[in-house]
């Protein structure tokens, strides 16, 4: 069965703020990166096709958390 492209995640900070994001898990456990939107921006303007998570992309082996 194919792995889902994206998982919606959320967690609370120590001061009680809820942070939400999208998790793009790699096929194998390993390093990851966090992509953060700029000030006065959010994660939605960039589409998933712009992320290019295809197997030919070197970033494909990284887990990506997009905030």
Protein backbone atom coordinates (compact mmCIF):
# COMPACT_ATOMS: atom_id res chain seq x y z
CA UNK A 1 0.00 0.00 0.00
CA UNK A 2 1.33 3.45 -0.88
CA UNK A 3 2.26 5.82 1.88
CA UNK A 4 0.07 8.95 2.15
CA UNK A 5 1.68 12.00 0.60
CA UNK A 6 0.87 14.28 3.51
CA UNK A 7 -0.27 14.02 7.13
CA UNK A 8 -1.98 16.89 8.94
CA UNK A 9 -0.31 17.33 12.33
CA UNK A 10 -0.65 19.61 15.32
CA UNK A 11 1.03 19.96 18.68
CA UNK A 12 1.00 22.37 21.62
CA UNK A 13 4.00 24.41 22.68
CA UNK A 14 5.01 24.65 26.33
CA UNK A 15 3.10 27.95 26.60
CA UNK A 16 -0.10 26.39 25.19
CA UNK A 17 -0.05 27.65 21.58
CA UNK A 18 -1.23 25.08 19.03
CA UNK A 19 1.04 24.75 16.00
CA UNK A 20 -0.26 23.03 12.88
CA UNK A 21 1.55 21.81 9.83
CA UNK A 22 1.89 19.16 7.17
CA UNK A 23 4.23 16.22 7.53
CA UNK A 24 5.63 14.62 4.39
CA UNK A 25 7.24 11.41 5.68
CA UNK A 26 10.15 9.83 3.85
CA UNK A 27 9.91 6.16 2.94
CA UNK A 28 12.71 5.29 5.38
CA UNK A 29 13.55 6.73 8.79
CA UNK A 30 16.34 9.30 8.61
CA UNK A 31 17.04 13.03 8.59
CA UNK A 32 14.34 15.64 8.25
CA UNK A 33 13.90 19.33 7.53
CA UNK A 34 11.43 21.99 8.67
CA UNK A 35 10.07 24.41 6.08
CA UNK A 36 8.69 27.59 7.60
CA UNK A 37 6.57 30.26 5.94
CA UNK A 38 7.82 33.81 6.13
CA UNK A 39 6.42 36.58 8.31
CA UNK A 40 2.82 37.45 7.33
CA UNK A 41 2.62 34.34 5.18
CA UNK A 42 1.31 30.82 5.62
CA UNK A 43 2.10 27.39 4.20
CA UNK A 44 -0.80 27.34 1.74
CA UNK A 45 0.41 29.50 -1.21
CA UNK A 46 2.86 26.81 -2.38
CA UNK A 47 1.14 23.81 -3.89
CA UNK A 48 2.26 20.23 -3.32
CA UNK A 49 3.36 19.95 -6.94
CA UNK A 50 5.82 22.81 -6.27
CA UNK A 51 7.45 20.79 -3.48
CA UNK A 52 8.58 18.10 -5.96
CA UNK A 53 8.70 15.12 -3.64
CA UNK A 54 9.31 12.77 -6.57
CA UNK A 55 11.81 9.91 -6.13
CA UNK A 56 14.28 11.64 -8.48
CA UNK A 57 14.53 14.67 -6.19
CA UNK A 58 17.40 14.38 -3.67
CA UNK A 59 15.08 15.73 -0.95
CA UNK A 60 12.80 12.71 -1.41
CA UNK A 61 14.74 10.78 1.24
CA UNK A 62 14.10 13.49 3.87
CA UNK A 63 11.05 13.79 6.09
CA UNK A 64 9.69 17.31 5.68
CA UNK A 65 7.61 19.25 8.23
CA UNK A 66 5.97 22.25 6.59
CA UNK A 67 4.76 24.85 9.08
